[in-house]
Amino acid sequence: MTQTDLTEEDQELIMNLTEAYQEARAQAVQEGVEQGVQLERRQVVENLLRFRFGSVDEELSKVVDSLLQLTPEEFTPLCLELSREDLLARFNPHQ
């Protein structure tokens, strides 16, 4: 069957499916980019904590998600200036 053999309905269906595929693909790419950015930010926070305290143990790993809610401009000085105890108290108040 060639393109000219397709009915108008078939051609419209192909156009709609192509558009839906392109939209789904663009959304998947965007989600991948966002996940990559989140992973990079997590690595930055963990590296800052590792640099400061030598390692990221279970207690410190619990504050990483809270720190990621902040902008890099906000979390960087906190990671570099606050003591371990202050970080834990501020971002893990349930201890």
PDB file of N, CA and C in Angstrom:
ATOM      1  N   MET A   1       0.850  -1.173   0.000  1.00  0.00           N
ATOM      2  CA  MET A   1       0.000   0.000   0.000  1.00  0.00           C
ATOM      3  C   MET A   1       0.899   1.240   0.000  1.00  0.00           C
ATOM      4  N   THR A   2       0.660   2.127  -0.902  1.00  0.00           N
ATOM      5  CA  THR A   2       1.446   3.357  -0.982  1.00  0.00           C
ATOM      6  C   THR A   2       0.689   4.485  -0.299  1.00  0.00           C
ATOM      7  N   GLN A   3       1.377   5.604  -0.116  1.00  0.00           N
ATOM      8  CA  GLN A   3       0.778   6.769   0.547  1.00  0.00           C
ATOM      9  C   GLN A   3      -0.493   7.198  -0.170  1.00  0.00           C
ATOM     10  N   THR A   4      -0.511   7.093  -1.478  1.00  0.00           N
ATOM     11  CA  THR A   4      -1.686   7.535  -2.235  1.00  0.00           C
ATOM     12  C   THR A   4      -2.857   6.582  -2.051  1.00  0.00           C
ATOM     13  N   ASP A   5      -2.580   5.331  -1.631  1.00  0.00           N
ATOM     14  CA  ASP A   5      -3.648   4.366  -1.405  1.00  0.00           C
ATOM     15  C   ASP A   5      -4.322   4.564  -0.042  1.00  0.00           C
ATOM     16  N   LEU A   6      -3.732   5.381   0.812  1.00  0.00           N
ATOM     17  CA  LEU A   6      -4.298   5.591   2.140  1.00  0.00           C
ATOM     18  C   LEU A   6      -5.525   6.479   2.051  1.00  0.00           C
ATOM     19  N   THR A   7      -6.507   6.145   2.852  1.00  0.00           N
ATOM     20  CA  THR A   7      -7.698   6.980   2.885  1.00  0.00           C
ATOM     21  C   THR A   7      -7.373   8.257   3.658  1.00  0.00           C
ATOM     22  N   GLU A   8      -8.253   9.202   3.550  1.00  0.00           N
ATOM     23  CA  GLU A   8      -8.073  10.453   4.287  1.00  0.00           C
ATOM     24  C   GLU A   8      -8.062  10.168   5.789  1.00  0.00           C
ATOM     25  N   GLU A   9      -8.896   9.237   6.221  1.00  0.00           N
ATOM     26  CA  GLU A   9      -8.938   8.835   7.630  1.00  0.00           C
ATOM     27  C   GLU A   9      -7.599   8.237   8.070  1.00  0.00           C
ATOM     28  N   ASP A  10      -7.041   7.368   7.232  1.00  0.00           N
ATOM     29  CA  ASP A  10      -5.744   6.752   7.548  1.00  0.00           C
ATOM     30  C   ASP A  10      -4.655   7.815   7.654  1.00  0.00           C
ATOM     31  N   GLN A  11      -4.652   8.753   6.726  1.00  0.00           N
ATOM     32  CA  GLN A  11      -3.644   9.809   6.745  1.00  0.00           C
ATOM     33  C   GLN A  11      -3.776  10.671   8.000  1.00  0.00           C
ATOM     34  N   GLU A  12      -5.018  10.970   8.390  1.00  0.00           N
ATOM     35  CA  GLU A  12      -5.244  11.758   9.594  1.00  0.00           C
ATOM     36  C   GLU A  12      -4.781  10.985  10.825  1.00  0.00           C
ATOM     37  N   LEU A  13      -5.053   9.690  10.865  1.00  0.00           N
ATOM     38  CA  LEU A  13      -4.618   8.856  11.978  1.00  0.00           C
ATOM     39  C   LEU A  13      -3.092   8.842  12.071  1.00  0.00           C
ATOM     40  N   ILE A  14      -2.426   8.697  10.959  1.00  0.00           N
ATOM     41  CA  ILE A  14      -0.956   8.693  10.944  1.00  0.00           C
ATOM     42  C   ILE A  14      -0.422  10.026  11.447  1.00  0.00           C
ATOM     43  N   MET A  15      -1.029  11.120  11.006  1.00  0.00           N
ATOM     44  CA  MET A  15      -0.578  12.439  11.461  1.00  0.00           C
ATOM     45  C   MET A  15      -0.783  12.584  12.969  1.00  0.00           C
ATOM     46  N   ASN A  16      -1.932  12.131  13.477  1.00  0.00           N
ATOM     47  CA  ASN A  16      -2.204  12.226  14.913  1.00  0.00           C
ATOM     48  C   ASN A  16      -1.251  11.355  15.714  1.00  0.00           C
ATOM     49  N   LEU A  17      -0.985  10.155  15.248  1.00  0.00           N
ATOM     50  CA  LEU A  17      -0.059   9.256  15.942  1.00  0.00           C
ATOM     51  C   LEU A  17       1.360   9.812  15.919  1.00  0.00           C
ATOM     52  N   THR A  18       1.753  10.394  14.801  1.00  0.00           N
ATOM     53  CA  THR A  18       3.083  10.994  14.694  1.00  0.00           C
ATOM     54  C   THR A  18       3.216  12.148  15.679  1.00  0.00           C
ATOM     55  N   GLU A  19       2.192  12.980  15.757  1.00  0.00           N
ATOM     56  CA  GLU A  19       2.222  14.102  16.684  1.00  0.00           C
ATOM     57  C   GLU A  19       2.260  13.613  18.137  1.00  0.00           C
ATOM     58  N   ALA A  20       1.454  12.600  18.451  1.00  0.00           N
ATOM     59  CA  ALA A  20       1.434  12.062  19.811  1.00  0.00           C
ATOM     60  C   ALA A  20       2.789  11.452  20.165  1.00  0.00           C
ATOM     61  N   TYR A  21       3.402  10.748  19.214  1.00  0.00           N
ATOM     62  CA  TYR A  21       4.718  10.165  19.443  1.00  0.00           C
ATOM     63  C   TYR A  21       5.757  11.255  19.706  1.00  0.00           C
ATOM     64  N   GLN A  22       5.742  12.296  18.899  1.00  0.00           N
ATOM     65  CA  GLN A  22       6.712  13.381  19.065  1.00  0.00           C
ATOM     66  C   GLN A  22       6.537  14.087  20.408  1.00  0.00           C
ATOM     67  N   GLU A  23       5.289  14.285  20.835  1.00  0.00           N
ATOM     68  CA  GLU A  23       5.033  14.907  22.133  1.00  0.00           C
ATOM     69  C   GLU A  23       5.522  14.009  23.276  1.00  0.00           C
ATOM     70  N   ALA A  24       5.237  12.711  23.180  1.00  0.00           N
ATOM     71  CA  ALA A  24       5.668  11.773  24.223  1.00  0.00           C
ATOM     72  C   ALA A  24       7.191  11.698  24.273  1.00  0.00           C
ATOM     73  N   ARG A  25       7.819  11.711  23.130  1.00  0.00           N
ATOM     74  CA  ARG A  25       9.280  11.660  23.079  1.00  0.00           C
ATOM     75  C   ARG A  25       9.884  12.928  23.683  1.00  0.00           C
ATOM     76  N   ALA A  26       9.329  14.084  23.342  1.00  0.00           N
ATOM     77  CA  ALA A  26       9.827  15.350  23.891  1.00  0.00           C
ATOM     78  C   ALA A  26       9.665  15.371  25.407  1.00  0.00           C
ATOM     79  N   GLN A  27       8.545  14.860  25.895  1.00  0.00           N
ATOM     80  CA  GLN A  27       8.321  14.818  27.341  1.00  0.00           C
ATOM     81  C   GLN A  27       9.323  13.878  28.006  1.00  0.00           C
ATOM     82  N   ALA A  28       9.584  12.740  27.389  1.00  0.00           N
ATOM     83  CA  ALA A  28      10.546  11.789  27.946  1.00  0.00           C
ATOM     84  C   ALA A  28      11.947  12.398  27.989  1.00  0.00           C
ATOM     85  N   VAL A  29      12.314  13.108  26.948  1.00  0.00           N
ATOM     86  CA  VAL A  29      13.621  13.773  26.921  1.00  0.00           C
ATOM     87  C   VAL A  29      13.701  14.813  28.032  1.00  0.00           C
ATOM     88  N   GLN A  30      12.648  15.608  28.188  1.00  0.00           N
ATOM     89  CA  GLN A  30      12.622  16.637  29.235  1.00  0.00           C
ATOM     90  C   GLN A  30      12.727  16.000  30.620  1.00  0.00           C
ATOM     91  N   GLU A  31      12.010  14.906  30.842  1.00  0.00           N
ATOM     92  CA  GLU A  31      12.078  14.217  32.129  1.00  0.00           C
ATOM     93  C   GLU A  31      13.487  13.677  32.376  1.00  0.00           C
ATOM     94  N   GLY A  32      14.115  13.179  31.337  1.00  0.00           N
ATOM     95  CA  GLY A  32      15.484  12.691  31.461  1.00  0.00           C
ATOM     96  C   GLY A  32      16.445  13.809  31.822  1.00  0.00           C
ATOM     97  N   VAL A  33      16.267  14.967  31.200  1.00  0.00           N
ATOM     98  CA  VAL A  33      17.107  16.124  31.511  1.00  0.00           C
ATOM     99  C   VAL A  33      16.912  16.528  32.969  1.00  0.00           C
ATOM    100  N   GLU A  34      15.647  16.589  33.404  1.00  0.00           N
ATOM    101  CA  GLU A  34      15.360  16.983  34.783  1.00  0.00           C
ATOM    102  C   GLU A  34      15.952  15.987  35.777  1.00  0.00           C
ATOM    103  N   GLN A  35      15.859  14.694  35.472  1.00  0.00           N
ATOM    104  CA  GLN A  35      16.443  13.675  36.347  1.00  0.00           C
ATOM    105  C   GLN A  35      17.959  13.816  36.388  1.00  0.00           C
ATOM    106  N   GLY A  36      18.550  14.135  35.251  1.00  0.00           N
ATOM    107  CA  GLY A  36      20.000  14.328  35.197  1.00  0.00           C
ATOM    108  C   GLY A  36      20.432  15.512  36.043  1.00  0.00           C
ATOM    109  N   VAL A  37      19.670  16.594  35.990  1.00  0.00           N
ATOM    110  CA  VAL A  37      19.979  17.783  36.791  1.00  0.00           C
ATOM    111  C   VAL A  37      19.859  17.441  38.273  1.00  0.00           C
ATOM    112  N   GLN A  38      18.801  16.717  38.642  1.00  0.00           N
ATOM    113  CA  GLN A  38      18.621  16.338  40.047  1.00  0.00           C
ATOM    114  C   GLN A  38      19.764  15.440  40.512  1.00  0.00           C
ATOM    115  N   LEU A  39      20.182  14.516  39.674  1.00  0.00           N
ATOM    116  CA  LEU A  39      21.286  13.631  40.037  1.00  0.00           C
ATOM    117  C   LEU A  39      22.578  14.423  40.209  1.00  0.00           C
ATOM    118  N   GLU A  40      22.827  15.371  39.325  1.00  0.00           N
ATOM    119  CA  GLU A  40      24.023  16.213  39.440  1.00  0.00           C
ATOM    120  C   GLU A  40      23.984  17.037  40.718  1.00  0.00           C
ATOM    121  N   ARG A  41      22.830  17.598  41.038  1.00  0.00           N
ATOM    122  CA  ARG A  41      22.709  18.391  42.267  1.00  0.00           C
ATOM    123  C   ARG A  41      22.945  17.519  43.487  1.00  0.00           C
ATOM    124  N   ARG A  42      22.395  16.303  43.479  1.00  0.00           N
ATOM    125  CA  ARG A  42      22.605  15.373  44.595  1.00  0.00           C
ATOM    126  C   ARG A  42      24.094  15.077  44.745  1.00  0.00           C
ATOM    127  N   GLN A  43      24.773  14.842  43.634  1.00  0.00           N
ATOM    128  CA  GLN A  43      26.206  14.558  43.690  1.00  0.00           C
ATOM    129  C   GLN A  43      26.985  15.748  44.234  1.00  0.00           C
ATOM    130  N   VAL A  44      26.577  16.957  43.867  1.00  0.00           N
ATOM    131  CA  VAL A  44      27.252  18.154  44.377  1.00  0.00           C
ATOM    132  C   VAL A  44      27.087  18.244  45.891  1.00  0.00           C
ATOM    133  N   VAL A  45      25.861  18.076  46.382  1.00  0.00           N
ATOM    134  CA  VAL A  45      25.613  18.147  47.822  1.00  0.00           C
ATOM    135  C   VAL A  45      26.406  17.060  48.548  1.00  0.00           C
ATOM    136  N   GLU A  46      26.348  15.837  48.041  1.00  0.00           N
ATOM    137  CA  GLU A  46      27.077  14.744  48.691  1.00  0.00           C
ATOM    138  C   GLU A  46      28.586  14.995  48.665  1.00  0.00           C
ATOM    139  N   ASN A  47      29.095  15.537  47.565  1.00  0.00           N
ATOM    140  CA  ASN A  47      30.529  15.843  47.492  1.00  0.00           C
ATOM    141  C   ASN A  47      30.917  16.946  48.478  1.00  0.00           C
ATOM    142  N   LEU A  48      30.080  17.962  48.623  1.00  0.00           N
ATOM    143  CA  LEU A  48      30.356  19.022  49.594  1.00  0.00           C
ATOM    144  C   LEU A  48      30.400  18.440  51.010  1.00  0.00           C
ATOM    145  N   LEU A  49      29.433  17.585  51.324  1.00  0.00           N
ATOM    146  CA  LEU A  49      29.399  16.979  52.655  1.00  0.00           C
ATOM    147  C   LEU A  49      30.594  16.039  52.860  1.00  0.00           C
ATOM    148  N   ARG A  50      30.951  15.306  51.821  1.00  0.00           N
ATOM    149  CA  ARG A  50      32.102  14.397  51.900  1.00  0.00           C
ATOM    150  C   ARG A  50      33.394  15.194  52.103  1.00  0.00           C
ATOM    151  N   PHE A  51      33.523  16.286  51.374  1.00  0.00           N
ATOM    152  CA  PHE A  51      34.698  17.155  51.512  1.00  0.00           C
ATOM    153  C   PHE A  51      34.784  17.694  52.932  1.00  0.00           C
ATOM    154  N   ARG A  52      33.659  18.114  53.456  1.00  0.00           N
ATOM    155  CA  ARG A  52      33.639  18.745  54.776  1.00  0.00           C
ATOM    156  C   ARG A  52      33.816  17.761  55.914  1.00  0.00           C
ATOM    157  N   PHE A  53      33.151  16.597  55.821  1.00  0.00           N
ATOM    158  CA  PHE A  53      33.110  15.682  56.955  1.00  0.00           C
ATOM    159  C   PHE A  53      33.808  14.351  56.717  1.00  0.00           C
ATOM    160  N   GLY A  54      34.393  14.176  55.542  1.00  0.00           N
ATOM    161  CA  GLY A  54      35.148  12.958  55.259  1.00  0.00           C
ATOM    162  C   GLY A  54      34.323  11.839  54.656  1.00  0.00           C
ATOM    163  N   SER A  55      33.038  11.791  54.957  1.00  0.00           N
ATOM    164  CA  SER A  55      32.151  10.780  54.379  1.00  0.00           C
ATOM    165  C   SER A  55      30.711  11.224  54.584  1.00  0.00           C
ATOM    166  N   VAL A  56      29.821  10.572  53.866  1.00  0.00           N
ATOM    167  CA  VAL A  56      28.391  10.819  54.048  1.00  0.00           C
ATOM    168  C   VAL A  56      27.812   9.541  54.631  1.00  0.00           C
ATOM    169  N   ASP A  57      27.656   9.547  55.953  1.00  0.00           N
ATOM    170  CA  ASP A  57      27.113   8.368  56.616  1.00  0.00           C
ATOM    171  C   ASP A  57      25.585   8.398  56.553  1.00  0.00           C
ATOM    172  N   GLU A  58      24.960   7.456  57.218  1.00  0.00           N
ATOM    173  CA  GLU A  58      23.503   7.339  57.151  1.00  0.00           C
ATOM    174  C   GLU A  58      22.808   8.595  57.679  1.00  0.00           C
ATOM    175  N   GLU A  59      23.322   9.161  58.761  1.00  0.00           N
ATOM    176  CA  GLU A  59      22.709  10.372  59.317  1.00  0.00           C
ATOM    177  C   GLU A  59      22.781  11.536  58.346  1.00  0.00           C
ATOM    178  N   LEU A  60      23.955  11.768  57.777  1.00  0.00           N
ATOM    179  CA  LEU A  60      24.094  12.875  56.826  1.00  0.00           C
ATOM    180  C   LEU A  60      23.289  12.633  55.558  1.00  0.00           C
ATOM    181  N   SER A  61      23.202  11.393  55.118  1.00  0.00           N
ATOM    182  CA  SER A  61      22.452  11.116  53.890  1.00  0.00           C
ATOM    183  C   SER A  61      20.977  11.469  54.054  1.00  0.00           C
ATOM    184  N   LYS A  62      20.492  11.474  55.307  1.00  0.00           N
ATOM    185  CA  LYS A  62      19.089  11.829  55.543  1.00  0.00           C
ATOM    186  C   LYS A  62      18.819  13.315  55.340  1.00  0.00           C
ATOM    187  N   VAL A  63      19.833  14.159  55.431  1.00  0.00           N
ATOM    188  CA  VAL A  63      19.617  15.597  55.241  1.00  0.00           C
ATOM    189  C   VAL A  63      19.793  16.025  53.777  1.00  0.00           C
ATOM    190  N   VAL A  64      20.323  15.139  52.946  1.00  0.00           N
ATOM    191  CA  VAL A  64      20.582  15.496  51.542  1.00  0.00           C
ATOM    192  C   VAL A  64      19.293  15.902  50.839  1.00  0.00           C
ATOM    193  N   ASP A  65      18.214  15.135  51.004  1.00  0.00           N
ATOM    194  CA  ASP A  65      16.959  15.480  50.323  1.00  0.00           C
ATOM    195  C   ASP A  65      16.447  16.855  50.746  1.00  0.00           C
ATOM    196  N   SER A  66      16.592  17.175  52.022  1.00  0.00           N
ATOM    197  CA  SER A  66      16.170  18.498  52.497  1.00  0.00           C
ATOM    198  C   SER A  66      17.032  19.592  51.880  1.00  0.00           C
ATOM    199  N   LEU A  67      18.319  19.358  51.810  1.00  0.00           N
ATOM    200  CA  LEU A  67      19.212  20.346  51.196  1.00  0.00           C
ATOM    201  C   LEU A  67      18.891  20.549  49.723  1.00  0.00           C
ATOM    202  N   LEU A  68      18.447  19.495  49.050  1.00  0.00           N
ATOM    203  CA  LEU A  68      18.133  19.595  47.622  1.00  0.00           C
ATOM    204  C   LEU A  68      16.883  20.431  47.353  1.00  0.00           C
ATOM    205  N   GLN A  69      16.111  20.717  48.387  1.00  0.00           N
ATOM    206  CA  GLN A  69      14.948  21.595  48.217  1.00  0.00           C
ATOM    207  C   GLN A  69      15.377  23.053  48.080  1.00  0.00           C
ATOM    208  N   LEU A  70      16.623  23.328  48.424  1.00  0.00           N
ATOM    209  CA  LEU A  70      17.167  24.687  48.355  1.00  0.00           C
ATOM    210  C   LEU A  70      17.880  24.900  47.029  1.00  0.00           C
ATOM    211  N   THR A  71      18.130  26.154  46.691  1.00  0.00           N
ATOM    212  CA  THR A  71      18.912  26.458  45.496  1.00  0.00           C
ATOM    213  C   THR A  71      20.394  26.194  45.805  1.00  0.00           C
ATOM    214  N   PRO A  72      21.218  26.018  44.783  1.00  0.00           N
ATOM    215  CA  PRO A  72      22.657  25.848  45.034  1.00  0.00           C
ATOM    216  C   PRO A  72      23.257  27.019  45.812  1.00  0.00           C
ATOM    217  N   GLU A  73      22.750  28.208  45.564  1.00  0.00           N
ATOM    218  CA  GLU A  73      23.244  29.380  46.281  1.00  0.00           C
ATOM    219  C   GLU A  73      22.921  29.290  47.769  1.00  0.00           C
ATOM    220  N   GLU A  74      21.855  28.590  48.113  1.00  0.00           N
ATOM    221  CA  GLU A  74      21.462  28.434  49.507  1.00  0.00           C
ATOM    222  C   GLU A  74      22.161  27.245  50.166  1.00  0.00           C
ATOM    223  N   PHE A  75      22.221  26.091  49.453  1.00  0.00           N
ATOM    224  CA  PHE A  75      22.768  24.908  50.121  1.00  0.00           C
ATOM    225  C   PHE A  75      24.291  24.890  50.210  1.00  0.00           C
ATOM    226  N   THR A  76      24.978  25.548  49.286  1.00  0.00           N
ATOM    227  CA  THR A  76      26.442  25.506  49.307  1.00  0.00           C
ATOM    228  C   THR A  76      27.032  26.106  50.584  1.00  0.00           C
ATOM    229  N   PRO A  77      26.660  27.328  50.962  1.00  0.00           N
ATOM    230  CA  PRO A  77      27.232  27.862  52.208  1.00  0.00           C
ATOM    231  C   PRO A  77      26.835  27.042  53.434  1.00  0.00           C
ATOM    232  N   LEU A  78      25.617  26.510  53.440  1.00  0.00           N
ATOM    233  CA  LEU A  78      25.198  25.694  54.584  1.00  0.00           C
ATOM    234  C   LEU A  78      26.079  24.459  54.720  1.00  0.00           C
ATOM    235  N   CYS A  79      26.359  23.811  53.588  1.00  0.00           N
ATOM    236  CA  CYS A  79      27.208  22.611  53.614  1.00  0.00           C
ATOM    237  C   CYS A  79      28.629  22.938  54.063  1.00  0.00           C
ATOM    238  N   LEU A  80      29.099  24.113  53.701  1.00  0.00           N
ATOM    239  CA  LEU A  80      30.481  24.472  54.005  1.00  0.00           C
ATOM    240  C   LEU A  80      30.656  25.153  55.361  1.00  0.00           C
ATOM    241  N   GLU A  81      29.597  25.749  55.882  1.00  0.00           N
ATOM    242  CA  GLU A  81      29.748  26.540  57.097  1.00  0.00           C
ATOM    243  C   GLU A  81      29.151  25.898  58.343  1.00  0.00           C
ATOM    244  N   LEU A  82      28.027  25.201  58.201  1.00  0.00           N
ATOM    245  CA  LEU A  82      27.391  24.618  59.378  1.00  0.00           C
ATOM    246  C   LEU A  82      28.151  23.386  59.853  1.00  0.00           C
ATOM    247  N   SER A  83      28.162  23.196  61.150  1.00  0.00           N
ATOM    248  CA  SER A  83      28.764  21.982  61.696  1.00  0.00           C
ATOM    249  C   SER A  83      27.856  20.798  61.379  1.00  0.00           C
ATOM    250  N   ARG A  84      28.395  19.633  61.511  1.00  0.00           N
ATOM    251  CA  ARG A  84      27.615  18.409  61.298  1.00  0.00           C
ATOM    252  C   ARG A  84      26.372  18.423  62.196  1.00  0.00           C
ATOM    253  N   GLU A  85      26.569  18.786  63.462  1.00  0.00           N
ATOM    254  CA  GLU A  85      25.473  18.795  64.421  1.00  0.00           C
ATOM    255  C   GLU A  85      24.404  19.814  64.021  1.00  0.00           C
ATOM    256  N   ASP A  86      24.841  20.979  63.546  1.00  0.00           N
ATOM    257  CA  ASP A  86      23.887  22.005  63.119  1.00  0.00           C
ATOM    258  C   ASP A  86      23.097  21.561  61.888  1.00  0.00           C
ATOM    259  N   LEU A  87      23.778  20.924  60.938  1.00  0.00           N
ATOM    260  CA  LEU A  87      23.082  20.404  59.755  1.00  0.00           C
ATOM    261  C   LEU A  87      22.036  19.370  60.160  1.00  0.00           C
ATOM    262  N   LEU A  88      22.439  18.447  61.024  1.00  0.00           N
ATOM    263  CA  LEU A  88      21.513  17.401  61.455  1.00  0.00           C
ATOM    264  C   LEU A  88      20.329  18.011  62.201  1.00  0.00           C
ATOM    265  N   ALA A  89      20.597  18.968  63.069  1.00  0.00           N
ATOM    266  CA  ALA A  89      19.508  19.590  63.839  1.00  0.00           C
ATOM    267  C   ALA A  89      18.566  20.377  62.937  1.00  0.00           C
ATOM    268  N   ARG A  90      19.137  21.061  61.965  1.00  0.00           N
ATOM    269  CA  ARG A  90      18.321  21.920  61.108  1.00  0.00           C
ATOM    270  C   ARG A  90      17.488  21.117  60.102  1.00  0.00           C
ATOM    271  N   PHE A  91      18.066  20.059  59.537  1.00  0.00           N
ATOM    272  CA  PHE A  91      17.405  19.347  58.450  1.00  0.00           C
ATOM    273  C   PHE A  91      16.908  17.961  58.829  1.00  0.00           C
ATOM    274  N   ASN A  92      17.137  17.543  60.040  1.00  0.00           N
ATOM    275  CA  ASN A  92      16.654  16.236  60.497  1.00  0.00           C
ATOM    276  C   ASN A  92      16.170  16.408  61.937  1.00  0.00           C
ATOM    277  N   PRO A  93      15.122  17.211  62.136  1.00  0.00           N
ATOM    278  CA  PRO A  93      14.698  17.565  63.485  1.00  0.00           C
ATOM    279  C   PRO A  93      14.096  16.400  64.270  1.00  0.00           C
ATOM    280  N   HIS A  94      13.862  15.263  63.639  1.00  0.00           N
ATOM    281  CA  HIS A  94      13.227  14.118  64.300  1.00  0.00           C
ATOM    282  C   HIS A  94      14.210  13.219  65.015  1.00  0.00           C
ATOM    283  N   GLN A  95      15.457  13.639  65.123  1.00  0.00           N
ATOM    284  CA  GLN A  95      16.431  12.753  65.771  1.00  0.00           C
ATOM    285  C   GLN A  95      16.364  12.872  67.266  1.00  0.00           C
TER     286      GLN A  95
END
